[in-house]
C-alpha atoms as a PDB file:
ATOM      1  CA  MET A   1      43.673  41.993 -24.879  1.00  0.00           C
ATOM      2  CA  VAL A   2      46.685  41.867 -26.845  1.00  0.00           C
ATOM      3  CA  ALA A   3      49.035  44.910 -27.260  1.00  0.00           C
ATOM      4  CA  ASP A   4      52.493  44.538 -28.726  1.00  0.00           C
ATOM      5  CA  ASN A   5      52.477  40.856 -28.675  1.00  0.00           C
ATOM      6  CA  VAL A   6      51.947  41.019 -24.757  1.00  0.00           C
ATOM      7  CA  ILE A   7      48.524  39.535 -23.590  1.00  0.00           C
ATOM      8  CA  HIS A   8      47.116  41.185 -20.499  1.00  0.00           C
ATOM      9  CA  LYS A   9      46.054  39.551 -17.436  1.00  0.00           C
ATOM     10  CA  LYS A  10      44.356  40.687 -14.242  1.00  0.00           C
ATOM     11  CA  SER A  11      44.495  38.889 -10.914  1.00  0.00           C
ATOM     12  CA  ALA A  12      43.533  39.601  -7.503  1.00  0.00           C
ATOM     13  CA  GLY A  13      44.368  38.328  -4.358  1.00  0.00           C
ATOM     14  CA  GLY A  14      46.415  39.183  -1.024  1.00  0.00           C
ATOM     15  CA  ILE A  15      47.602  38.593   2.362  1.00  0.00           C
ATOM     16  CA  ILE A  16      45.392  37.059   5.280  1.00  0.00           C
ATOM     17  CA  HIS A  17      46.461  37.973   8.851  1.00  0.00           C
ATOM     18  CA  SER A  18      45.479  36.171  11.832  1.00  0.00           C
ATOM     19  CA  SER A  19      47.047  35.656  15.516  1.00  0.00           C
ATOM     20  CA  GLY A  20      50.272  37.265  14.278  1.00  0.00           C
ATOM     21  CA  LYS A  21      50.827  34.932  11.496  1.00  0.00           C
ATOM     22  CA  PHE A  22      50.359  35.356   7.475  1.00  0.00           C
ATOM     23  CA  LEU A  23      48.753  32.864   5.058  1.00  0.00           C
ATOM     24  CA  THR A  24      51.171  31.718   2.640  1.00  0.00           C
ATOM     25  CA  LEU A  25      50.897  28.900  -0.023  1.00  0.00           C
ATOM     26  CA  HIS A  26      53.920  26.655  -0.918  1.00  0.00           C
ATOM     27  CA  VAL A  27      53.674  25.532  -4.459  1.00  0.00           C
ATOM     28  CA  THR A  28      55.967  22.611  -3.797  1.00  0.00           C
ATOM     29  CA  ARG A  29      56.073  21.900  -7.867  1.00  0.00           C
ATOM     30  CA  TYR A  30      57.837  24.901  -8.477  1.00  0.00           C
ATOM     31  CA  GLY A  31      59.563  25.318  -5.041  1.00  0.00           C
ATOM     32  CA  GLU A  32      57.761  28.594  -4.821  1.00  0.00           C
ATOM     33  CA  VAL A  33      56.043  30.342  -1.627  1.00  0.00           C
ATOM     34  CA  VAL A  34      53.543  33.012  -2.519  1.00  0.00           C
ATOM     35  CA  PHE A  35      50.264  34.673  -1.316  1.00  0.00           C
ATOM     36  CA  PRO A  36      46.567  33.282  -2.813  1.00  0.00           C
ATOM     37  CA  LYS A  37      45.377  34.939  -5.899  1.00  0.00           C
ATOM     38  CA  GLY A  38      43.885  34.161  -9.297  1.00  0.00           C
ATOM     39  CA  THR A  39      42.257  35.697 -12.018  1.00  0.00           C
ATOM     40  CA  ILE A  40      39.626  38.248 -11.892  1.00  0.00           C
ATOM     41  CA  GLU A  41      36.513  36.653 -14.108  1.00  0.00           C
ATOM     42  CA  LEU A  42      34.443  39.305 -16.310  1.00  0.00           C
ATOM     43  CA  ASP A  43      31.790  40.173 -13.989  1.00  0.00           C
ATOM     44  CA  GLU A  44      34.288  40.881 -10.979  1.00  0.00           C
ATOM     45  CA  THR A  45      35.486  43.510  -9.145  1.00  0.00           C
ATOM     46  CA  PRO A  46      38.942  43.045  -8.176  1.00  0.00           C
ATOM     47  CA  GLU A  47      37.940  42.854  -4.421  1.00  0.00           C
ATOM     48  CA  GLN A  48      35.263  40.179  -5.342  1.00  0.00           C
ATOM     49  CA  ALA A  49      37.772  38.076  -7.191  1.00  0.00           C
ATOM     50  CA  ALA A  50      40.592  38.494  -4.463  1.00  0.00           C
ATOM     51  CA  VAL A  51      37.548  37.040  -1.589  1.00  0.00           C
ATOM     52  CA  ARG A  52      36.630  34.779  -4.044  1.00  0.00           C
ATOM     53  CA  GLU A  53      40.136  33.273  -5.075  1.00  0.00           C
ATOM     54  CA  ILE A  54      41.200  32.943  -1.105  1.00  0.00           C
ATOM     55  CA  SER A  55      37.993  31.162  -0.656  1.00  0.00           C
ATOM     56  CA  GLU A  56      38.666  28.658  -3.244  1.00  0.00           C
ATOM     57  CA  GLU A  57      42.371  28.415  -2.650  1.00  0.00           C
ATOM     58  CA  THR A  58      42.245  28.257   1.053  1.00  0.00           C
ATOM     59  CA  GLU A  59      38.438  27.640   1.939  1.00  0.00           C
ATOM     60  CA  TYR A  60      38.984  30.631   4.641  1.00  0.00           C
ATOM     61  CA  ARG A  61      35.963  33.230   4.986  1.00  0.00           C
ATOM     62  CA  VAL A  62      37.767  36.369   4.949  1.00  0.00           C
ATOM     63  CA  ARG A  63      37.007  40.158   4.492  1.00  0.00           C
ATOM     64  CA  ILE A  64      39.076  42.940   3.371  1.00  0.00           C
ATOM     65  CA  LYS A  65      40.765  45.149   5.750  1.00  0.00           C
ATOM     66  CA  ALA A  66      42.787  47.216   3.569  1.00  0.00           C
ATOM     67  CA  PRO A  67      44.219  47.754  -0.244  1.00  0.00           C
ATOM     68  CA  LEU A  68      47.665  47.276  -0.678  1.00  0.00           C
ATOM     69  CA  GLY A  69      47.826  48.155  -4.434  1.00  0.00           C
ATOM     70  CA  GLU A  70      49.070  46.585  -7.439  1.00  0.00           C
ATOM     71  CA  VAL A  71      52.010  44.977  -8.766  1.00  0.00           C
ATOM     72  CA  SER A  72      52.598  44.314 -12.601  1.00  0.00           C
ATOM     73  CA  TYR A  73      55.265  41.862 -14.238  1.00  0.00           C
ATOM     74  CA  GLU A  74      55.901  40.343 -17.298  1.00  0.00           C
ATOM     75  CA  PHE A  75      56.605  36.682 -18.064  1.00  0.00           C
ATOM     76  CA  ASP A  76      56.997  34.004 -21.082  1.00  0.00           C
ATOM     77  CA  GLU A  77      54.688  30.763 -20.628  1.00  0.00           C
ATOM     78  CA  ASP A  78      54.783  27.550 -21.900  1.00  0.00           C
ATOM     79  CA  ASP A  79      52.837  28.120 -24.766  1.00  0.00           C
ATOM     80  CA  GLY A  80      55.401  30.690 -26.401  1.00  0.00           C
ATOM     81  CA  LYS A  81      53.541  33.644 -25.337  1.00  0.00           C
ATOM     82  CA  ARG A  82      54.217  36.762 -23.551  1.00  0.00           C
ATOM     83  CA  TYR A  83      52.214  37.916 -20.596  1.00  0.00           C
ATOM     84  CA  LYS A  84      51.692  40.902 -18.678  1.00  0.00           C
ATOM     85  CA  LYS A  85      50.068  40.443 -15.279  1.00  0.00           C
ATOM     86  CA  THR A  86      48.660  42.795 -12.935  1.00  0.00           C
ATOM     87  CA  VAL A  87      47.778  41.792  -9.479  1.00  0.00           C
ATOM     88  CA  HIS A  88      45.565  43.580  -7.091  1.00  0.00           C
ATOM     89  CA  TYR A  89      46.546  42.760  -3.638  1.00  0.00           C
ATOM     90  CA  TYR A  90      44.529  43.306  -0.353  1.00  0.00           C
ATOM     91  CA  LEU A  91      45.119  43.042   3.261  1.00  0.00           C
ATOM     92  CA  PHE A  92      42.510  40.561   5.074  1.00  0.00           C
ATOM     93  CA  GLU A  93      41.183  39.508   8.231  1.00  0.00           C
ATOM     94  CA  LEU A  94      39.428  36.085   8.902  1.00  0.00           C
ATOM     95  CA  VAL A  95      35.772  36.174   9.313  1.00  0.00           C
ATOM     96  CA  ASP A  96      36.123  33.467  12.051  1.00  0.00           C
ATOM     97  CA  GLU A  97      39.518  33.178  14.005  1.00  0.00           C
ATOM     98  CA  ASN A  98      38.421  29.628  15.152  1.00  0.00           C
ATOM     99  CA  GLU A  99      37.869  28.131  11.407  1.00  0.00           C
ATOM    100  CA  GLN A 100      39.710  25.097  10.390  1.00  0.00           C
ATOM    101  CA  PRO A 101      39.186  24.448   6.674  1.00  0.00           C
ATOM    102  CA  LYS A 102      40.353  21.864   4.530  1.00  0.00           C
ATOM    103  CA  PRO A 103      40.988  23.678   1.017  1.00  0.00           C
ATOM    104  CA  LYS A 104      39.137  22.012  -1.973  1.00  0.00           C
ATOM    105  CA  ARG A 105      41.880  22.237  -4.644  1.00  0.00           C
ATOM    106  CA  GLU A 106      41.358  22.177  -8.406  1.00  0.00           C
ATOM    107  CA  ASP A 107      43.027  19.321 -10.494  1.00  0.00           C
ATOM    108  CA  HIS A 108      45.826  21.561 -11.476  1.00  0.00           C
ATOM    109  CA  GLU A 109      46.543  22.896  -8.070  1.00  0.00           C
ATOM    110  CA  ASN A 110      46.515  19.534  -6.597  1.00  0.00           C
ATOM    111  CA  ASP A 111      49.237  18.654  -9.511  1.00  0.00           C
ATOM    112  CA  GLU A 112      51.334  21.669  -8.166  1.00  0.00           C
ATOM    113  CA  GLY A 113      51.510  20.183  -4.376  1.00  0.00           C
ATOM    114  CA  ILE A 114      50.107  23.355  -2.950  1.00  0.00           C
ATOM    115  CA  GLU A 115      50.231  23.581   0.825  1.00  0.00           C
ATOM    116  CA  SER A 116      49.084  26.293   3.135  1.00  0.00           C
ATOM    117  CA  LEU A 117      51.629  27.532   5.572  1.00  0.00           C
ATOM    118  CA  TRP A 118      51.029  29.960   8.274  1.00  0.00           C
ATOM    119  CA  LEU A 119      54.214  32.063   9.157  1.00  0.00           C
ATOM    120  CA  SER A 120      55.636  34.754  11.110  1.00  0.00           C
ATOM    121  CA  PHE A 121      56.447  37.805  10.016  1.00  0.00           C
ATOM    122  CA  ASP A 122      60.082  37.041   9.643  1.00  0.00           C
ATOM    123  CA  ASP A 123      59.586  33.524   8.080  1.00  0.00           C
ATOM    124  CA  ALA A 124      57.337  34.511   5.413  1.00  0.00           C
ATOM    125  CA  LEU A 125      59.497  37.522   4.372  1.00  0.00           C
ATOM    126  CA  GLY A 126      62.604  35.044   4.495  1.00  0.00           C
ATOM    127  CA  ARG A 127      60.348  32.327   2.490  1.00  0.00           C
ATOM    128  CA  LEU A 128      58.484  34.207  -0.103  1.00  0.00           C
ATOM    129  CA  THR A 129      59.743  33.827  -3.318  1.00  0.00           C
ATOM    130  CA  HIS A 130      59.192  37.113  -5.253  1.00  0.00           C
ATOM    131  CA  ASN A 131      60.360  40.448  -4.230  1.00  0.00           C
ATOM    132  CA  GLU A 132      56.884  42.245  -5.050  1.00  0.00           C
ATOM    133  CA  SER A 133      55.408  39.925  -2.375  1.00  0.00           C
ATOM    134  CA  LYS A 134      57.708  40.713   0.045  1.00  0.00           C
ATOM    135  CA  GLU A 135      57.090  44.397  -0.442  1.00  0.00           C
ATOM    136  CA  LYS A 136      53.241  43.637  -0.129  1.00  0.00           C
ATOM    137  CA  LEU A 137      54.359  41.747   3.103  1.00  0.00           C
ATOM    138  CA  GLN A 138      55.834  44.853   4.606  1.00  0.00           C
ATOM    139  CA  LYS A 139      53.189  47.243   3.845  1.00  0.00           C
ATOM    140  CA  ALA A 140      50.610  44.688   5.195  1.00  0.00           C
ATOM    141  CA  ALA A 141      52.390  44.803   8.354  1.00  0.00           C
ATOM    142  CA  GLY A 142      52.711  48.416   8.680  1.00  0.00           C
ATOM    143  CA  LEU A 143      49.095  48.705   8.090  1.00  0.00           C
ATOM    144  CA  LEU A 144      48.928  46.475  11.048  1.00  0.00           C
ATOM    145  CA  ASN A 145      51.289  48.028  13.363  1.00  0.00           C
ATOM    146  CA  ASP A 146      49.220  51.445  12.774  1.00  0.00           C
ATOM    147  CA  ASP A 147      45.871  49.735  14.210  1.00  0.00           C
END
């Protein structure tokens, strides 16, 4: 969909919490630390896309614990076009706490040098690249403290 020369994209993903730590992805090619997320396919709900993307990017089997809301931002891509992305975030728990998956990354993800990092709240807050991710982490931690 194009409006005002901006291409709109929708993604979903989220924050996995286990044993007091949060799963982040270190994208070494860009020097970023982010949460797993990806594009919502035409036949998917945001929840379905978030679970699928986390499975694809991390190989962990997860279930949604709570919605964390949406984040929208605009950016310019290498193709010279302007994009507006809306990301639906969720808090997840692992289906199996003892699972030790080995992610099967897509070729472009291997080129980006993506590695999984389990970080404490303070480490994740300090290392996450984007302020929106830090805000979602704080919201997730608040929900976990309410349990």
